């Protein structure tokens, strides 16, 4: 049986060994059929989708930058997933993503008339 079929089947039945391996640690790119940039963008997109905390954004951005993704591409990823996650989630993500990139959106907004 093809490896991907076996993995999907085991996940669908909540195979305890597979689930334990998945939860033990973040899979490395070498374990997945994804290049470094794709893996990093998936992690960033997921962080937005689940409304991750600041530490999750920091980790996702560090991985993205290490994979050679530009700050523009990181911000564009937020815009790209907004239609799927919803505008409120994107609005919530913007300050966290900004901080992870070294830009304090909230401070920049202080004193700006709405």
Protein backbone atom coordinates (compact mmCIF):
# COMPACT_ATOMS: atom_id res chain seq x y z
CA UNK A 1 0.00 0.00 0.00
CA UNK A 2 1.25 3.49 -0.75
CA UNK A 3 2.72 5.23 2.29
CA UNK A 4 0.36 8.20 2.07
CA UNK A 5 -2.65 5.89 1.90
CA UNK A 6 -1.45 3.98 4.94
CA UNK A 7 -0.92 7.21 6.89
CA UNK A 8 -4.36 8.57 5.97
CA UNK A 9 -6.04 5.29 6.85
CA UNK A 10 -4.29 5.11 10.21
CA UNK A 11 -5.14 8.72 10.98
CA UNK A 12 -8.80 8.18 10.02
CA UNK A 13 -9.08 5.37 12.58
CA UNK A 14 -7.04 7.31 15.15
CA UNK A 15 -4.25 4.77 15.23
CA UNK A 16 -2.72 5.33 18.66
CA UNK A 17 0.86 4.73 17.55
CA UNK A 18 0.55 7.21 14.68
CA UNK A 19 -1.19 9.80 16.85
CA UNK A 20 1.45 9.44 19.56
CA UNK A 21 4.21 9.92 16.97
CA UNK A 22 2.42 12.98 15.56
CA UNK A 23 2.05 14.58 18.97
CA UNK A 24 5.51 13.65 20.26
CA UNK A 25 7.14 16.44 18.27
CA UNK A 26 6.65 18.66 15.28
CA UNK A 27 7.44 16.63 12.18
CA UNK A 28 10.60 17.69 10.47
CA UNK A 29 10.56 18.73 6.86
CA UNK A 30 12.60 15.63 6.05
CA UNK A 31 9.74 13.46 7.27
CA UNK A 32 7.28 15.24 5.00
CA UNK A 33 7.15 15.67 1.25
CA UNK A 34 7.36 19.46 1.61
CA UNK A 35 10.19 21.86 0.86
CA UNK A 36 11.33 24.18 3.67
CA UNK A 37 9.39 27.21 2.42
CA UNK A 38 6.13 25.32 1.99
CA UNK A 39 6.48 23.74 5.43
CA UNK A 40 7.10 27.13 7.02
CA UNK A 41 4.14 28.73 5.24
CA UNK A 42 1.85 25.90 6.32
CA UNK A 43 2.97 26.44 9.92
CA UNK A 44 2.37 30.17 9.66
CA UNK A 45 -1.05 29.70 8.05
CA UNK A 46 -2.06 27.24 10.73
CA UNK A 47 -0.93 29.62 13.46
CA UNK A 48 -3.28 32.23 12.03
CA UNK A 49 -6.13 29.72 11.60
CA UNK A 50 -6.02 28.52 15.21
CA UNK A 51 -5.46 32.02 16.64
CA UNK A 52 -2.12 31.00 18.09
CA UNK A 53 -0.40 32.81 20.90
CA UNK A 54 2.55 35.16 20.55
CA UNK A 55 5.09 32.38 21.09
CA UNK A 56 3.53 30.41 18.23
CA UNK A 57 3.79 33.42 15.92
CA UNK A 58 7.40 33.95 16.96
CA UNK A 59 8.24 30.32 16.21
CA UNK A 60 6.41 30.36 12.85
CA UNK A 61 8.12 33.58 11.76
CA UNK A 62 11.56 32.34 12.83
CA UNK A 63 11.03 29.16 10.79
CA UNK A 64 9.78 31.16 7.81
CA UNK A 65 12.74 33.55 7.86
CA UNK A 66 15.16 30.63 8.24
CA UNK A 67 13.57 29.03 5.16
CA UNK A 68 14.28 32.18 3.15
CA UNK A 69 10.78 33.61 3.16
CA UNK A 70 10.72 37.40 3.02
CA UNK A 71 8.79 39.61 5.43
CA UNK A 72 6.56 40.62 2.53
CA UNK A 73 5.75 36.96 1.81
CA UNK A 74 5.00 36.39 5.50
CA UNK A 75 2.53 39.29 5.58
CA UNK A 76 1.06 38.22 2.22
CA UNK A 77 0.40 34.80 3.76
CA UNK A 78 -1.82 36.48 6.36
CA UNK A 79 -3.72 38.21 3.56
CA UNK A 80 -3.97 34.96 1.59
CA UNK A 81 -5.57 33.01 4.44
CA UNK A 82 -7.91 35.83 5.52
CA UNK A 83 -10.63 34.72 3.11
CA UNK A 84 -10.57 31.29 4.74
CA UNK A 85 -10.06 32.23 8.37
CA UNK A 86 -12.17 35.38 8.32
CA UNK A 87 -11.34 39.02 8.71
CA UNK A 88 -11.70 38.99 12.54
CA UNK A 89 -8.99 36.30 12.76
CA UNK A 90 -6.73 38.28 10.41
CA UNK A 91 -7.27 41.44 12.47
CA UNK A 92 -6.39 39.49 15.62
CA UNK A 93 -3.29 38.06 13.94
CA UNK A 94 -1.87 41.33 12.61
CA UNK A 95 -0.40 42.66 15.90
CA UNK A 96 1.00 39.23 16.85
CA UNK A 97 2.56 38.77 13.44
CA UNK A 98 3.92 42.30 13.60
CA UNK A 99 5.59 41.66 16.96
CA UNK A 100 7.10 38.43 15.65
CA UNK A 101 8.56 40.48 12.79
CA UNK A 102 9.89 43.13 15.19
CA UNK A 103 7.16 45.68 14.46
CA UNK A 104 4.82 46.78 17.27
CA UNK A 105 1.57 47.52 15.45
CA UNK A 106 -0.20 48.63 18.62
CA UNK A 107 2.49 51.21 19.44
CA UNK A 108 2.44 52.44 15.85
CA UNK A 109 -1.32 52.98 16.16
CA UNK A 110 -1.09 55.02 19.36
CA UNK A 111 -2.12 58.58 18.66
CA UNK A 112 -3.41 57.75 15.19
CA UNK A 113 -6.98 58.94 14.69
CA UNK A 114 -9.29 56.13 13.69
